[in-house]
Structure formats: C-alpha cells, structure tokens
Amino acid sequence: MGEPGTGSEILKGRNILLAEDNDLNAEIAEAILESAGPKIERVEDGIQCVNRIEKMPADTYDMILMDIQMPKMDGYKATQAIRNLSDKDKASIPIIAMTANAFEEDKRDAIAAGMNGHIAKPIQVDKLLSILSEVIRKQSLYRLKNGTMGKTDDVWDAT
C-alpha cells in the first residue's frame, strides 16, 4: 500500500474541475476519477472554465483537468487566461492537459501555455491517478510549507 498520502487515496474528498466538451470523454473521465474519491465538476469550454475559477474562492478546486480542443476557447487560451488572473492563488492552480494530442510538440505546447502536466487520451487509469495523486501531494506540501496555495512549477507527463 505504501506510505499514507502517496496513492490514489489522497484524491478522496478533493475537488477537480473538468473542462471537457465531449460528453463521452467527460463520462469516462468522471467514472475513472469518481472511483478514486474526488468530487468532479464539469464545464464544457474554456470560457466557462475561466469564469468558474474567477468566480469561486481560490481554494474551491485542487486542480483542473483541461481538454485542449474545445469550442469558444481552447485549453491553451483558457490556461493562459487563468495564469494571468490577478489573484495569484487562483492563477497558480495546477492544470493538467487531458488530450488526444500526445506528440512531444503537443506536450511542449501545453507546458508553454502554463499547464503543469499532460495526460494522453485514451486515458490509462493508473497513469491518470498517479499523476493526479502526485499533483495533490506536491500542492499539499507547498501549502503546508508556505501557508498558501502557491505556484507549482512542477511538470507531469502521462503519455
């Protein structure tokens, strides 16, 4: 089982914002994630995602899973808009790209846009849960150390 807080049990009770326009992909992601215990809220495009982060208190969500190709505003632009928010705690929320675009160039583009990681579709359950657990663990350690949400420059890859 490993030491406490290192497995997917760390996801229990966490809040994840899922930005995904495709209903089937959203259902799959929600089913995988809910089995590990986090609460999932879904938005269907980048504009809704940015608006949700702007309106909610900074600690509402522990991370965002962001599709890249969405209508109205894609995941890259939504990430850049979030990173440019004046509330630094909101601007620093971990954002993980969840996309069928799995080439090295796509990963670089995600990181350049300000994302902290990249998960390829079709989703591999173990990789997804591992990356999300690592994101939460590192963010929790940062909060304990600094007393704030803070910015994480760590990058994760699950392709």
C-alpha atoms as a PDB file:
ATOM      1  CA  MET A   1       0.000   0.000   0.000  1.00  0.00           C
ATOM      2  CA  GLY A   2       2.859   2.456   0.579  1.00  0.00           C
ATOM      3  CA  GLU A   3       3.067   5.382   2.930  1.00  0.00           C
ATOM      4  CA  PRO A   4      -0.048   7.469   3.606  1.00  0.00           C
ATOM      5  CA  GLY A   5      -0.802  10.174   1.092  1.00  0.00           C
ATOM      6  CA  THR A   6       1.172   8.652  -1.756  1.00  0.00           C
ATOM      7  CA  GLY A   7      -1.511   6.586  -3.502  1.00  0.00           C
ATOM      8  CA  SER A   8      -4.820   7.483  -5.054  1.00  0.00           C
ATOM      9  CA  GLU A   9      -6.368   7.654  -1.543  1.00  0.00           C
ATOM     10  CA  ILE A  10      -5.000  11.201  -1.426  1.00  0.00           C
ATOM     11  CA  LEU A  11      -7.649  12.102  -4.036  1.00  0.00           C
ATOM     12  CA  LYS A  12     -10.567  11.337  -1.687  1.00  0.00           C
ATOM     13  CA  GLY A  13     -12.533  14.480  -0.903  1.00  0.00           C
ATOM     14  CA  ARG A  14     -10.539  16.619  -3.348  1.00  0.00           C
ATOM     15  CA  ASN A  15     -12.254  18.889  -5.862  1.00  0.00           C
ATOM     16  CA  ILE A  16     -11.357  18.688  -9.527  1.00  0.00           C
ATOM     17  CA  LEU A  17     -12.695  20.957 -12.241  1.00  0.00           C
ATOM     18  CA  LEU A  18     -13.009  19.034 -15.509  1.00  0.00           C
ATOM     19  CA  ALA A  19     -13.021  21.171 -18.663  1.00  0.00           C
ATOM     20  CA  GLU A  20     -14.216  18.812 -21.407  1.00  0.00           C
ATOM     21  CA  ASP A  21     -16.664  19.496 -24.227  1.00  0.00           C
ATOM     22  CA  ASN A  22     -17.178  15.879 -25.347  1.00  0.00           C
ATOM     23  CA  ASP A  23     -19.885  14.137 -23.299  1.00  0.00           C
ATOM     24  CA  LEU A  24     -18.445  10.633 -23.747  1.00  0.00           C
ATOM     25  CA  ASN A  25     -14.919  11.712 -22.792  1.00  0.00           C
ATOM     26  CA  ALA A  26     -16.327  13.552 -19.772  1.00  0.00           C
ATOM     27  CA  GLU A  27     -18.308  10.479 -18.674  1.00  0.00           C
ATOM     28  CA  ILE A  28     -15.202   8.286 -18.940  1.00  0.00           C
ATOM     29  CA  ALA A  29     -13.035  10.736 -17.002  1.00  0.00           C
ATOM     30  CA  GLU A  30     -15.713  11.210 -14.348  1.00  0.00           C
ATOM     31  CA  ALA A  31     -16.170   7.441 -13.911  1.00  0.00           C
ATOM     32  CA  ILE A  32     -12.422   6.887 -13.529  1.00  0.00           C
ATOM     33  CA  LEU A  33     -11.965   9.790 -11.158  1.00  0.00           C
ATOM     34  CA  GLU A  34     -15.029   9.220  -9.005  1.00  0.00           C
ATOM     35  CA  SER A  35     -13.830   5.673  -8.271  1.00  0.00           C
ATOM     36  CA  ALA A  36     -10.789   7.261  -6.561  1.00  0.00           C
ATOM     37  CA  GLY A  37     -12.900   9.594  -4.450  1.00  0.00           C
ATOM     38  CA  PRO A  38     -12.567  13.189  -5.684  1.00  0.00           C
ATOM     39  CA  LYS A  39     -15.554  15.397  -6.388  1.00  0.00           C
ATOM     40  CA  ILE A  40     -15.781  16.369 -10.040  1.00  0.00           C
ATOM     41  CA  GLU A  41     -17.417  19.450 -11.504  1.00  0.00           C
ATOM     42  CA  ARG A  42     -17.572  19.834 -15.255  1.00  0.00           C
ATOM     43  CA  VAL A  43     -17.531  22.800 -17.588  1.00  0.00           C
ATOM     44  CA  GLU A  44     -17.798  22.439 -21.354  1.00  0.00           C
ATOM     45  CA  ASP A  45     -15.416  25.049 -22.733  1.00  0.00           C
ATOM     46  CA  GLY A  46     -12.509  27.281 -21.844  1.00  0.00           C
ATOM     47  CA  ILE A  47     -14.638  30.364 -21.219  1.00  0.00           C
ATOM     48  CA  GLN A  48     -16.765  28.511 -18.665  1.00  0.00           C
ATOM     49  CA  CYS A  49     -13.582  27.222 -17.024  1.00  0.00           C
ATOM     50  CA  VAL A  50     -12.005  30.664 -16.679  1.00  0.00           C
ATOM     51  CA  ASN A  51     -15.303  32.144 -15.439  1.00  0.00           C
ATOM     52  CA  ARG A  52     -15.680  29.392 -12.835  1.00  0.00           C
ATOM     53  CA  ILE A  53     -12.154  29.929 -11.500  1.00  0.00           C
ATOM     54  CA  GLU A  54     -12.675  33.720 -11.404  1.00  0.00           C
ATOM     55  CA  LYS A  55     -15.978  33.491  -9.503  1.00  0.00           C
ATOM     56  CA  MET A  56     -15.147  30.788  -6.949  1.00  0.00           C
ATOM     57  CA  PRO A  57     -12.909  31.202  -3.876  1.00  0.00           C
ATOM     58  CA  ALA A  58      -9.259  30.339  -4.554  1.00  0.00           C
ATOM     59  CA  ASP A  59      -9.318  27.049  -2.669  1.00  0.00           C
ATOM     60  CA  THR A  60     -12.520  25.699  -4.268  1.00  0.00           C
ATOM     61  CA  TYR A  61     -10.649  23.375  -6.645  1.00  0.00           C
ATOM     62  CA  ASP A  62      -7.467  21.413  -6.093  1.00  0.00           C
ATOM     63  CA  MET A  63      -6.728  21.213  -9.819  1.00  0.00           C
ATOM     64  CA  ILE A  64      -8.131  21.483 -13.323  1.00  0.00           C
ATOM     65  CA  LEU A  65      -8.152  18.715 -15.929  1.00  0.00           C
ATOM     66  CA  MET A  66      -8.250  20.664 -19.179  1.00  0.00           C
ATOM     67  CA  ASP A  67      -9.108  19.369 -22.631  1.00  0.00           C
ATOM     68  CA  ILE A  68      -7.171  21.197 -25.332  1.00  0.00           C
ATOM     69  CA  GLN A  69      -9.646  21.264 -28.219  1.00  0.00           C
ATOM     70  CA  MET A  70     -12.853  22.899 -27.004  1.00  0.00           C
ATOM     71  CA  PRO A  71     -15.304  25.350 -28.574  1.00  0.00           C
ATOM     72  CA  LYS A  72     -15.329  29.081 -27.770  1.00  0.00           C
ATOM     73  CA  MET A  73     -11.914  28.996 -26.035  1.00  0.00           C
ATOM     74  CA  ASP A  74      -9.388  26.171 -26.263  1.00  0.00           C
ATOM     75  CA  GLY A  75      -7.454  24.751 -23.329  1.00  0.00           C
ATOM     76  CA  TYR A  76      -4.275  26.681 -24.134  1.00  0.00           C
ATOM     77  CA  LYS A  77      -6.034  30.063 -24.106  1.00  0.00           C
ATOM     78  CA  ALA A  78      -8.041  29.162 -21.002  1.00  0.00           C
ATOM     79  CA  THR A  79      -4.845  28.185 -19.188  1.00  0.00           C
ATOM     80  CA  GLN A  80      -3.141  31.425 -20.203  1.00  0.00           C
ATOM     81  CA  ALA A  81      -6.173  33.415 -19.001  1.00  0.00           C
ATOM     82  CA  ILE A  82      -6.112  31.622 -15.636  1.00  0.00           C
ATOM     83  CA  ARG A  83      -2.361  32.136 -15.270  1.00  0.00           C
ATOM     84  CA  ASN A  84      -2.910  35.879 -15.861  1.00  0.00           C
ATOM     85  CA  LEU A  85      -5.547  36.309 -13.132  1.00  0.00           C
ATOM     86  CA  SER A  86      -4.702  38.968 -10.549  1.00  0.00           C
ATOM     87  CA  ASP A  87      -5.455  36.547  -7.670  1.00  0.00           C
ATOM     88  CA  LYS A  88      -2.171  34.632  -7.530  1.00  0.00           C
ATOM     89  CA  ASP A  89      -3.693  31.691  -5.651  1.00  0.00           C
ATOM     90  CA  LYS A  90      -6.252  31.238  -8.424  1.00  0.00           C
ATOM     91  CA  ALA A  91      -3.610  31.820 -11.100  1.00  0.00           C
ATOM     92  CA  SER A  92      -1.408  29.069  -9.703  1.00  0.00           C
ATOM     93  CA  ILE A  93      -3.920  26.202  -9.581  1.00  0.00           C
ATOM     94  CA  PRO A  94      -2.403  23.053 -11.112  1.00  0.00           C
ATOM     95  CA  ILE A  95      -3.718  22.491 -14.641  1.00  0.00           C
ATOM     96  CA  ILE A  96      -3.257  19.152 -16.384  1.00  0.00           C
ATOM     97  CA  ALA A  97      -3.860  18.825 -20.132  1.00  0.00           C
ATOM     98  CA  MET A  98      -6.050  15.848 -20.970  1.00  0.00           C
ATOM     99  CA  THR A  99      -5.909  15.403 -24.713  1.00  0.00           C
ATOM    100  CA  ALA A 100      -5.584  13.036 -27.640  1.00  0.00           C
ATOM    101  CA  ASN A 101      -2.636  15.170 -28.788  1.00  0.00           C
ATOM    102  CA  ALA A 102       0.259  13.093 -27.443  1.00  0.00           C
ATOM    103  CA  PHE A 103       3.255  14.108 -29.540  1.00  0.00           C
ATOM    104  CA  GLU A 104       6.271  15.780 -27.907  1.00  0.00           C
ATOM    105  CA  GLU A 105       5.329  19.066 -29.599  1.00  0.00           C
ATOM    106  CA  ASP A 106       1.859  18.873 -28.026  1.00  0.00           C
ATOM    107  CA  LYS A 107       3.388  18.328 -24.583  1.00  0.00           C
ATOM    108  CA  ARG A 108       5.722  21.294 -25.096  1.00  0.00           C
ATOM    109  CA  ASP A 109       2.792  23.461 -26.215  1.00  0.00           C
ATOM    110  CA  ALA A 110       0.830  22.512 -23.083  1.00  0.00           C
ATOM    111  CA  ILE A 111       3.747  23.374 -20.808  1.00  0.00           C
ATOM    112  CA  ALA A 112       4.418  26.613 -22.729  1.00  0.00           C
ATOM    113  CA  ALA A 113       0.764  27.608 -22.198  1.00  0.00           C
ATOM    114  CA  GLY A 114       1.278  27.243 -18.451  1.00  0.00           C
ATOM    115  CA  MET A 115      -0.031  23.738 -17.850  1.00  0.00           C
ATOM    116  CA  ASN A 116       1.655  21.562 -15.244  1.00  0.00           C
ATOM    117  CA  GLY A 117       1.214  18.240 -16.979  1.00  0.00           C
ATOM    118  CA  HIS A 118      -0.123  16.192 -19.845  1.00  0.00           C
ATOM    119  CA  ILE A 119      -2.313  13.084 -19.882  1.00  0.00           C
ATOM    120  CA  ALA A 120      -2.932  11.359 -23.202  1.00  0.00           C
ATOM    121  CA  LYS A 121      -6.302  10.035 -24.328  1.00  0.00           C
ATOM    122  CA  PRO A 122      -7.385   7.318 -24.323  1.00  0.00           C
ATOM    123  CA  ILE A 123      -6.898   7.607 -20.591  1.00  0.00           C
ATOM    124  CA  GLN A 124      -4.847   4.962 -18.823  1.00  0.00           C
ATOM    125  CA  VAL A 125      -6.368   4.737 -15.356  1.00  0.00           C
ATOM    126  CA  ASP A 126      -3.157   4.026 -13.430  1.00  0.00           C
ATOM    127  CA  LYS A 127      -1.257   6.875 -15.108  1.00  0.00           C
ATOM    128  CA  LEU A 128      -4.088   9.341 -14.571  1.00  0.00           C
ATOM    129  CA  LEU A 129      -4.487   8.505 -10.888  1.00  0.00           C
ATOM    130  CA  SER A 130      -0.728   8.520 -10.362  1.00  0.00           C
ATOM    131  CA  ILE A 131      -0.274  11.982 -11.866  1.00  0.00           C
ATOM    132  CA  LEU A 132      -3.250  13.467 -10.042  1.00  0.00           C
ATOM    133  CA  SER A 133      -2.066  11.996  -6.741  1.00  0.00           C
ATOM    134  CA  GLU A 134       1.397  13.463  -7.299  1.00  0.00           C
ATOM    135  CA  VAL A 135      -0.069  16.882  -8.133  1.00  0.00           C
ATOM    136  CA  ILE A 136      -2.168  16.880  -4.955  1.00  0.00           C
ATOM    137  CA  ARG A 137       0.722  15.635  -2.821  1.00  0.00           C
ATOM    138  CA  LYS A 138       3.107  18.340  -4.060  1.00  0.00           C
ATOM    139  CA  GLN A 139       0.477  21.066  -3.797  1.00  0.00           C
ATOM    140  CA  SER A 140      -0.364  19.965  -0.240  1.00  0.00           C
ATOM    141  CA  LEU A 141       3.299  20.050   0.751  1.00  0.00           C
ATOM    142  CA  TYR A 142       3.643  23.528  -0.756  1.00  0.00           C
ATOM    143  CA  ARG A 143       0.587  24.759   1.164  1.00  0.00           C
ATOM    144  CA  LEU A 144       1.893  23.343   4.436  1.00  0.00           C
ATOM    145  CA  LYS A 145       5.290  24.916   3.912  1.00  0.00           C
ATOM    146  CA  ASN A 146       4.095  28.311   2.692  1.00  0.00           C
ATOM    147  CA  GLY A 147       0.612  28.666   4.143  1.00  0.00           C
ATOM    148  CA  THR A 148      -0.864  29.419   0.739  1.00  0.00           C
ATOM    149  CA  MET A 149      -1.913  27.712  -2.441  1.00  0.00           C
ATOM    150  CA  GLY A 150       1.228  28.960  -4.169  1.00  0.00           C
ATOM    151  CA  LYS A 151       2.584  28.290  -7.595  1.00  0.00           C
ATOM    152  CA  THR A 152       3.871  24.935  -8.619  1.00  0.00           C
ATOM    153  CA  ASP A 153       6.306  24.814 -11.493  1.00  0.00           C
ATOM    154  CA  ASP A 154       6.418  21.028 -11.467  1.00  0.00           C
ATOM    155  CA  VAL A 155       5.507  19.288 -14.695  1.00  0.00           C
ATOM    156  CA  TRP A 156       3.982  15.821 -15.007  1.00  0.00           C
ATOM    157  CA  ASP A 157       3.613  13.643 -18.087  1.00  0.00           C
ATOM    158  CA  ALA A 158       1.463  10.558 -18.553  1.00  0.00           C
ATOM    159  CA  THR A 159       1.577   9.720 -22.214  1.00  0.00           C
END
